[in-house]
Amino acid sequence: MLVEMQEYENSLKYYRDLKNVTDTAHEEGKIVGIHENKITVATAMLENGEPIEKIMRFTGLTREEIENLRNNKS
């Protein structure tokens, strides 16, 4: 019975570790996706001649990030 209990505990630990890894990866993926969307919106706004202050307000990106987008498109 002791061996079975230890195997169960090991199995449970493995499951929890795996779940934590997948949950973390999922959250990180969401963050990356949100940031990529902000970049897409900022790029479109730059192409439409919107001022940097407005882009900052709508996307939450920093002035430096937006200026880097502008410089990379040139």
PDB file of N, CA and C in Angstrom:
ATOM      1  N   MET A   1       0.821  -1.193   0.000  1.00  0.00           N
ATOM      2  CA  MET A   1       0.000   0.000   0.000  1.00  0.00           C
ATOM      3  C   MET A   1       0.871   1.265   0.000  1.00  0.00           C
ATOM      4  N   LEU A   2       1.998   1.223   0.698  1.00  0.00           N
ATOM      5  CA  LEU A   2       2.889   2.369   0.763  1.00  0.00           C
ATOM      6  C   LEU A   2       3.459   2.705  -0.622  1.00  0.00           C
ATOM      7  N   VAL A   3       3.792   1.682  -1.400  1.00  0.00           N
ATOM      8  CA  VAL A   3       4.331   1.890  -2.747  1.00  0.00           C
ATOM      9  C   VAL A   3       3.277   2.539  -3.631  1.00  0.00           C
ATOM     10  N   GLU A   4       2.047   2.071  -3.545  1.00  0.00           N
ATOM     11  CA  GLU A   4       0.974   2.643  -4.353  1.00  0.00           C
ATOM     12  C   GLU A   4       0.739   4.106  -3.991  1.00  0.00           C
ATOM     13  N   MET A   5       0.793   4.412  -2.717  1.00  0.00           N
ATOM     14  CA  MET A   5       0.605   5.795  -2.273  1.00  0.00           C
ATOM     15  C   MET A   5       1.724   6.678  -2.816  1.00  0.00           C
ATOM     16  N   GLN A   6       2.954   6.194  -2.770  1.00  0.00           N
ATOM     17  CA  GLN A   6       4.088   6.961  -3.288  1.00  0.00           C
ATOM     18  C   GLN A   6       3.948   7.167  -4.799  1.00  0.00           C
ATOM     19  N   GLU A   7       3.519   6.137  -5.532  1.00  0.00           N
ATOM     20  CA  GLU A   7       3.308   6.268  -6.974  1.00  0.00           C
ATOM     21  C   GLU A   7       2.210   7.287  -7.275  1.00  0.00           C
ATOM     22  N   TYR A   8       1.161   7.254  -6.460  1.00  0.00           N
ATOM     23  CA  TYR A   8       0.080   8.221  -6.634  1.00  0.00           C
ATOM     24  C   TYR A   8       0.588   9.642  -6.394  1.00  0.00           C
ATOM     25  N   GLU A   9       1.338   9.850  -5.342  1.00  0.00           N
ATOM     26  CA  GLU A   9       1.885  11.164  -5.022  1.00  0.00           C
ATOM     27  C   GLU A   9       2.806  11.658  -6.143  1.00  0.00           C
ATOM     28  N   ASN A  10       3.639  10.764  -6.667  1.00  0.00           N
ATOM     29  CA  ASN A  10       4.529  11.120  -7.774  1.00  0.00           C
ATOM     30  C   ASN A  10       3.730  11.497  -9.024  1.00  0.00           C
ATOM     31  N   SER A  11       2.686  10.731  -9.283  1.00  0.00           N
ATOM     32  CA  SER A  11       1.830  11.007 -10.432  1.00  0.00           C
ATOM     33  C   SER A  11       1.143  12.364 -10.281  1.00  0.00           C
ATOM     34  N   LEU A  12       0.661  12.630  -9.095  1.00  0.00           N
ATOM     35  CA  LEU A  12      -0.002  13.896  -8.819  1.00  0.00           C
ATOM     36  C   LEU A  12       0.967  15.064  -8.970  1.00  0.00           C
ATOM     37  N   LYS A  13       2.176  14.905  -8.469  1.00  0.00           N
ATOM     38  CA  LYS A  13       3.198  15.947  -8.606  1.00  0.00           C
ATOM     39  C   LYS A  13       3.516  16.190 -10.076  1.00  0.00           C
ATOM     40  N   TYR A  14       3.673  15.131 -10.847  1.00  0.00           N
ATOM     41  CA  TYR A  14       3.953  15.258 -12.272  1.00  0.00           C
ATOM     42  C   TYR A  14       2.824  16.011 -12.972  1.00  0.00           C
ATOM     43  N   TYR A  15       1.579  15.642 -12.654  1.00  0.00           N
ATOM     44  CA  TYR A  15       0.421  16.308 -13.262  1.00  0.00           C
ATOM     45  C   TYR A  15       0.412  17.797 -12.926  1.00  0.00           C
ATOM     46  N   ARG A  16       0.633  18.140 -11.666  1.00  0.00           N
ATOM     47  CA  ARG A  16       0.619  19.544 -11.258  1.00  0.00           C
ATOM     48  C   ARG A  16       1.744  20.334 -11.921  1.00  0.00           C
ATOM     49  N   ASP A  17       2.923  19.743 -12.013  1.00  0.00           N
ATOM     50  CA  ASP A  17       4.042  20.412 -12.685  1.00  0.00           C
ATOM     51  C   ASP A  17       3.710  20.662 -14.150  1.00  0.00           C
ATOM     52  N   LEU A  18       3.182  19.647 -14.809  1.00  0.00           N
ATOM     53  CA  LEU A  18       2.827  19.780 -16.221  1.00  0.00           C
ATOM     54  C   LEU A  18       1.745  20.843 -16.414  1.00  0.00           C
ATOM     55  N   LYS A  19       0.752  20.861 -15.542  1.00  0.00           N
ATOM     56  CA  LYS A  19      -0.329  21.847 -15.634  1.00  0.00           C
ATOM     57  C   LYS A  19       0.221  23.248 -15.435  1.00  0.00           C
ATOM     58  N   ASN A  20       1.120  23.426 -14.475  1.00  0.00           N
ATOM     59  CA  ASN A  20       1.722  24.742 -14.261  1.00  0.00           C
ATOM     60  C   ASN A  20       2.499  25.211 -15.485  1.00  0.00           C
ATOM     61  N   VAL A  21       3.218  24.318 -16.118  1.00  0.00           N
ATOM     62  CA  VAL A  21       3.987  24.679 -17.315  1.00  0.00           C
ATOM     63  C   VAL A  21       3.045  25.100 -18.442  1.00  0.00           C
ATOM     64  N   THR A  22       2.008  24.333 -18.676  1.00  0.00           N
ATOM     65  CA  THR A  22       1.084  24.679 -19.769  1.00  0.00           C
ATOM     66  C   THR A  22       0.307  25.953 -19.459  1.00  0.00           C
ATOM     67  N   ASP A  23      -0.094  26.149 -18.218  1.00  0.00           N
ATOM     68  CA  ASP A  23      -0.784  27.385 -17.850  1.00  0.00           C
ATOM     69  C   ASP A  23       0.112  28.602 -18.060  1.00  0.00           C
ATOM     70  N   THR A  24       1.365  28.480 -17.657  1.00  0.00           N
ATOM     71  CA  THR A  24       2.313  29.578 -17.828  1.00  0.00           C
ATOM     72  C   THR A  24       2.538  29.866 -19.308  1.00  0.00           C
ATOM     73  N   ALA A  25       2.706  28.841 -20.102  1.00  0.00           N
ATOM     74  CA  ALA A  25       2.910  29.026 -21.544  1.00  0.00           C
ATOM     75  C   ALA A  25       1.693  29.693 -22.168  1.00  0.00           C
ATOM     76  N   HIS A  26       0.510  29.308 -21.745  1.00  0.00           N
ATOM     77  CA  HIS A  26      -0.718  29.898 -22.271  1.00  0.00           C
ATOM     78  C   HIS A  26      -0.778  31.387 -21.944  1.00  0.00           C
ATOM     79  N   GLU A  27      -0.489  31.745 -20.711  1.00  0.00           N
ATOM     80  CA  GLU A  27      -0.515  33.152 -20.300  1.00  0.00           C
ATOM     81  C   GLU A  27       0.531  33.966 -21.062  1.00  0.00           C
ATOM     82  N   GLU A  28       1.734  33.402 -21.210  1.00  0.00           N
ATOM     83  CA  GLU A  28       2.783  34.112 -21.945  1.00  0.00           C
ATOM     84  C   GLU A  28       2.382  34.298 -23.395  1.00  0.00           C
ATOM     85  N   GLY A  29       1.722  33.296 -23.972  1.00  0.00           N
ATOM     86  CA  GLY A  29       1.247  33.400 -25.344  1.00  0.00           C
ATOM     87  C   GLY A  29       0.204  34.487 -25.503  1.00  0.00           C
ATOM     88  N   LYS A  30      -0.675  34.620 -24.533  1.00  0.00           N
ATOM     89  CA  LYS A  30      -1.681  35.684 -24.576  1.00  0.00           C
ATOM     90  C   LYS A  30      -1.018  37.052 -24.528  1.00  0.00           C
ATOM     91  N   ILE A  31      -0.021  37.190 -23.678  1.00  0.00           N
ATOM     92  CA  ILE A  31       0.676  38.466 -23.552  1.00  0.00           C
ATOM     93  C   ILE A  31       1.367  38.831 -24.859  1.00  0.00           C
ATOM     94  N   VAL A  32       2.018  37.859 -25.472  1.00  0.00           N
ATOM     95  CA  VAL A  32       2.693  38.101 -26.750  1.00  0.00           C
ATOM     96  C   VAL A  32       1.673  38.488 -27.814  1.00  0.00           C
ATOM     97  N   GLY A  33       0.547  37.793 -27.854  1.00  0.00           N
ATOM     98  CA  GLY A  33      -0.494  38.093 -28.834  1.00  0.00           C
ATOM     99  C   GLY A  33      -1.061  39.491 -28.666  1.00  0.00           C
ATOM    100  N   ILE A  34      -1.278  39.899 -27.437  1.00  0.00           N
ATOM    101  CA  ILE A  34      -1.789  41.242 -27.169  1.00  0.00           C
ATOM    102  C   ILE A  34      -0.783  42.289 -27.628  1.00  0.00           C
ATOM    103  N   HIS A  35       0.493  42.060 -27.333  1.00  0.00           N
ATOM    104  CA  HIS A  35       1.526  43.018 -27.744  1.00  0.00           C
ATOM    105  C   HIS A  35       1.614  43.086 -29.271  1.00  0.00           C
ATOM    106  N   GLU A  36       1.542  41.960 -29.935  1.00  0.00           N
ATOM    107  CA  GLU A  36       1.587  41.949 -31.401  1.00  0.00           C
ATOM    108  C   GLU A  36       0.400  42.710 -31.979  1.00  0.00           C
ATOM    109  N   ASN A  37      -0.764  42.593 -31.349  1.00  0.00           N
ATOM    110  CA  ASN A  37      -1.937  43.329 -31.805  1.00  0.00           C
ATOM    111  C   ASN A  37      -1.726  44.837 -31.644  1.00  0.00           C
ATOM    112  N   LYS A  38      -1.116  45.246 -30.544  1.00  0.00           N
ATOM    113  CA  LYS A  38      -0.836  46.660 -30.331  1.00  0.00           C
ATOM    114  C   LYS A  38       0.111  47.186 -31.407  1.00  0.00           C
ATOM    115  N   ILE A  39       1.096  46.373 -31.770  1.00  0.00           N
ATOM    116  CA  ILE A  39       2.043  46.754 -32.817  1.00  0.00           C
ATOM    117  C   ILE A  39       1.308  46.927 -34.149  1.00  0.00           C
ATOM    118  N   THR A  40       0.402  46.006 -34.459  1.00  0.00           N
ATOM    119  CA  THR A  40      -0.369  46.077 -35.696  1.00  0.00           C
ATOM    120  C   THR A  40      -1.207  47.349 -35.745  1.00  0.00           C
ATOM    121  N   VAL A  41      -1.879  47.662 -34.641  1.00  0.00           N
ATOM    122  CA  VAL A  41      -2.711  48.866 -34.572  1.00  0.00           C
ATOM    123  C   VAL A  41      -1.839  50.113 -34.700  1.00  0.00           C
ATOM    124  N   ALA A  42      -0.732  50.147 -33.985  1.00  0.00           N
ATOM    125  CA  ALA A  42       0.161  51.305 -34.036  1.00  0.00           C
ATOM    126  C   ALA A  42       0.714  51.507 -35.441  1.00  0.00           C
ATOM    127  N   THR A  43       1.062  50.430 -36.114  1.00  0.00           N
ATOM    128  CA  THR A  43       1.583  50.524 -37.483  1.00  0.00           C
ATOM    129  C   THR A  43       0.528  51.107 -38.414  1.00  0.00           C
ATOM    130  N   ALA A  44      -0.694  50.644 -38.289  1.00  0.00           N
ATOM    131  CA  ALA A  44      -1.783  51.166 -39.122  1.00  0.00           C
ATOM    132  C   ALA A  44      -2.020  52.645 -38.834  1.00  0.00           C
ATOM    133  N   MET A  45      -1.970  53.009 -37.557  1.00  0.00           N
ATOM    134  CA  MET A  45      -2.175  54.410 -37.201  1.00  0.00           C
ATOM    135  C   MET A  45      -1.047  55.284 -37.741  1.00  0.00           C
ATOM    136  N   LEU A  46       0.188  54.796 -37.684  1.00  0.00           N
ATOM    137  CA  LEU A  46       1.310  55.545 -38.259  1.00  0.00           C
ATOM    138  C   LEU A  46       1.123  55.742 -39.759  1.00  0.00           C
ATOM    139  N   GLU A  47       0.696  54.677 -40.428  1.00  0.00           N
ATOM    140  CA  GLU A  47       0.483  54.756 -41.879  1.00  0.00           C
ATOM    141  C   GLU A  47      -0.626  55.737 -42.235  1.00  0.00           C
ATOM    142  N   ASN A  48      -1.542  55.983 -41.303  1.00  0.00           N
ATOM    143  CA  ASN A  48      -2.631  56.937 -41.522  1.00  0.00           C
ATOM    144  C   ASN A  48      -2.306  58.329 -40.997  1.00  0.00           C
ATOM    145  N   GLY A  49      -1.052  58.518 -40.565  1.00  0.00           N
ATOM    146  CA  GLY A  49      -0.588  59.836 -40.159  1.00  0.00           C
ATOM    147  C   GLY A  49      -1.057  60.300 -38.787  1.00  0.00           C
ATOM    148  N   GLU A  50      -1.449  59.389 -37.934  1.00  0.00           N
ATOM    149  CA  GLU A  50      -1.891  59.760 -36.590  1.00  0.00           C
ATOM    150  C   GLU A  50      -0.687  60.200 -35.759  1.00  0.00           C
ATOM    151  N   PRO A  51      -0.889  61.185 -34.878  1.00  0.00           N
ATOM    152  CA  PRO A  51       0.221  61.645 -34.029  1.00  0.00           C
ATOM    153  C   PRO A  51       0.625  60.585 -32.999  1.00  0.00           C
ATOM    154  N   ILE A  52       1.890  60.617 -32.636  1.00  0.00           N
ATOM    155  CA  ILE A  52       2.433  59.631 -31.699  1.00  0.00           C
ATOM    156  C   ILE A  52       1.670  59.644 -30.377  1.00  0.00           C
ATOM    157  N   GLU A  53       1.303  60.814 -29.883  1.00  0.00           N
ATOM    158  CA  GLU A  53       0.586  60.895 -28.607  1.00  0.00           C
ATOM    159  C   GLU A  53      -0.726  60.114 -28.663  1.00  0.00           C
ATOM    160  N   LYS A  54      -1.428  60.222 -29.780  1.00  0.00           N
ATOM    161  CA  LYS A  54      -2.688  59.498 -29.935  1.00  0.00           C
ATOM    162  C   LYS A  54      -2.438  57.993 -29.986  1.00  0.00           C
ATOM    163  N   ILE A  55      -1.398  57.583 -30.693  1.00  0.00           N
ATOM    164  CA  ILE A  55      -1.062  56.160 -30.794  1.00  0.00           C
ATOM    165  C   ILE A  55      -0.699  55.619 -29.410  1.00  0.00           C
ATOM    166  N   MET A  56       0.055  56.402 -28.658  1.00  0.00           N
ATOM    167  CA  MET A  56       0.415  55.996 -27.300  1.00  0.00           C
ATOM    168  C   MET A  56      -0.842  55.801 -26.457  1.00  0.00           C
ATOM    169  N   ARG A  57      -1.785  56.720 -26.575  1.00  0.00           N
ATOM    170  CA  ARG A  57      -3.015  56.660 -25.778  1.00  0.00           C
ATOM    171  C   ARG A  57      -3.865  55.449 -26.152  1.00  0.00           C
ATOM    172  N   PHE A  58      -3.954  55.143 -27.444  1.00  0.00           N
ATOM    173  CA  PHE A  58      -4.811  54.054 -27.899  1.00  0.00           C
ATOM    174  C   PHE A  58      -4.179  52.675 -27.725  1.00  0.00           C
ATOM    175  N   THR A  59      -2.848  52.587 -27.785  1.00  0.00           N
ATOM    176  CA  THR A  59      -2.205  51.275 -27.740  1.00  0.00           C
ATOM    177  C   THR A  59      -1.503  50.971 -26.422  1.00  0.00           C
ATOM    178  N   GLY A  60      -1.136  52.011 -25.693  1.00  0.00           N
ATOM    179  CA  GLY A  60      -0.370  51.791 -24.468  1.00  0.00           C
ATOM    180  C   GLY A  60       1.111  51.565 -24.730  1.00  0.00           C
ATOM    181  N   LEU A  61       1.527  51.696 -25.979  1.00  0.00           N
ATOM    182  CA  LEU A  61       2.950  51.555 -26.302  1.00  0.00           C
ATOM    183  C   LEU A  61       3.690  52.826 -25.896  1.00  0.00           C
ATOM    184  N   THR A  62       4.987  52.703 -25.690  1.00  0.00           N
ATOM    185  CA  THR A  62       5.795  53.867 -25.338  1.00  0.00           C
ATOM    186  C   THR A  62       6.164  54.641 -26.599  1.00  0.00           C
ATOM    187  N   ARG A  63       6.567  55.889 -26.394  1.00  0.00           N
ATOM    188  CA  ARG A  63       7.012  56.718 -27.522  1.00  0.00           C
ATOM    189  C   ARG A  63       8.155  56.022 -28.257  1.00  0.00           C
ATOM    190  N   GLU A  64       9.086  55.455 -27.502  1.00  0.00           N
ATOM    191  CA  GLU A  64      10.245  54.786 -28.107  1.00  0.00           C
ATOM    192  C   GLU A  64       9.808  53.610 -28.984  1.00  0.00           C
ATOM    193  N   GLU A  65       8.861  52.802 -28.495  1.00  0.00           N
ATOM    194  CA  GLU A  65       8.377  51.662 -29.296  1.00  0.00           C
ATOM    195  C   GLU A  65       7.752  52.137 -30.606  1.00  0.00           C
ATOM    196  N   ILE A  66       6.976  53.209 -30.522  1.00  0.00           N
ATOM    197  CA  ILE A  66       6.308  53.726 -31.724  1.00  0.00           C
ATOM    198  C   ILE A  66       7.323  54.334 -32.679  1.00  0.00           C
ATOM    199  N   GLU A  67       8.279  55.071 -32.151  1.00  0.00           N
ATOM    200  CA  GLU A  67       9.315  55.651 -33.010  1.00  0.00           C
ATOM    201  C   GLU A  67      10.143  54.557 -33.672  1.00  0.00           C
ATOM    202  N   ASN A  68      10.395  53.462 -32.960  1.00  0.00           N
ATOM    203  CA  ASN A  68      11.115  52.339 -33.563  1.00  0.00           C
ATOM    204  C   ASN A  68      10.310  51.732 -34.708  1.00  0.00           C
ATOM    205  N   LEU A  69       8.993  51.636 -34.536  1.00  0.00           N
ATOM    206  CA  LEU A  69       8.140  51.145 -35.626  1.00  0.00           C
ATOM    207  C   LEU A  69       8.248  52.070 -36.833  1.00  0.00           C
ATOM    208  N   ARG A  70       8.196  53.365 -36.577  1.00  0.00           N
ATOM    209  CA  ARG A  70       8.276  54.349 -37.660  1.00  0.00           C
ATOM    210  C   ARG A  70       9.621  54.222 -38.374  1.00  0.00           C
ATOM    211  N   ASN A  71      10.698  54.102 -37.608  1.00  0.00           N
ATOM    212  CA  ASN A  71      12.032  54.014 -38.203  1.00  0.00           C
ATOM    213  C   ASN A  71      12.228  52.710 -38.972  1.00  0.00           C
ATOM    214  N   ASN A  72      11.636  51.633 -38.512  1.00  0.00           N
ATOM    215  CA  ASN A  72      11.792  50.347 -39.184  1.00  0.00           C
ATOM    216  C   ASN A  72      10.978  50.281 -40.462  1.00  0.00           C
ATOM    217  N   LYS A  73       9.935  51.097 -40.572  1.00  0.00           N
ATOM    218  CA  LYS A  73       9.105  51.106 -41.789  1.00  0.00           C
ATOM    219  C   LYS A  73       9.730  51.967 -42.873  1.00  0.00           C
ATOM    220  N   SER A  74      10.619  52.883 -42.481  1.00  0.00           N
ATOM    221  CA  SER A  74      11.221  53.812 -43.464  1.00  0.00           C
ATOM    222  C   SER A  74      12.221  53.138 -44.342  1.00  0.00           C
TER     223      SER A  74
END
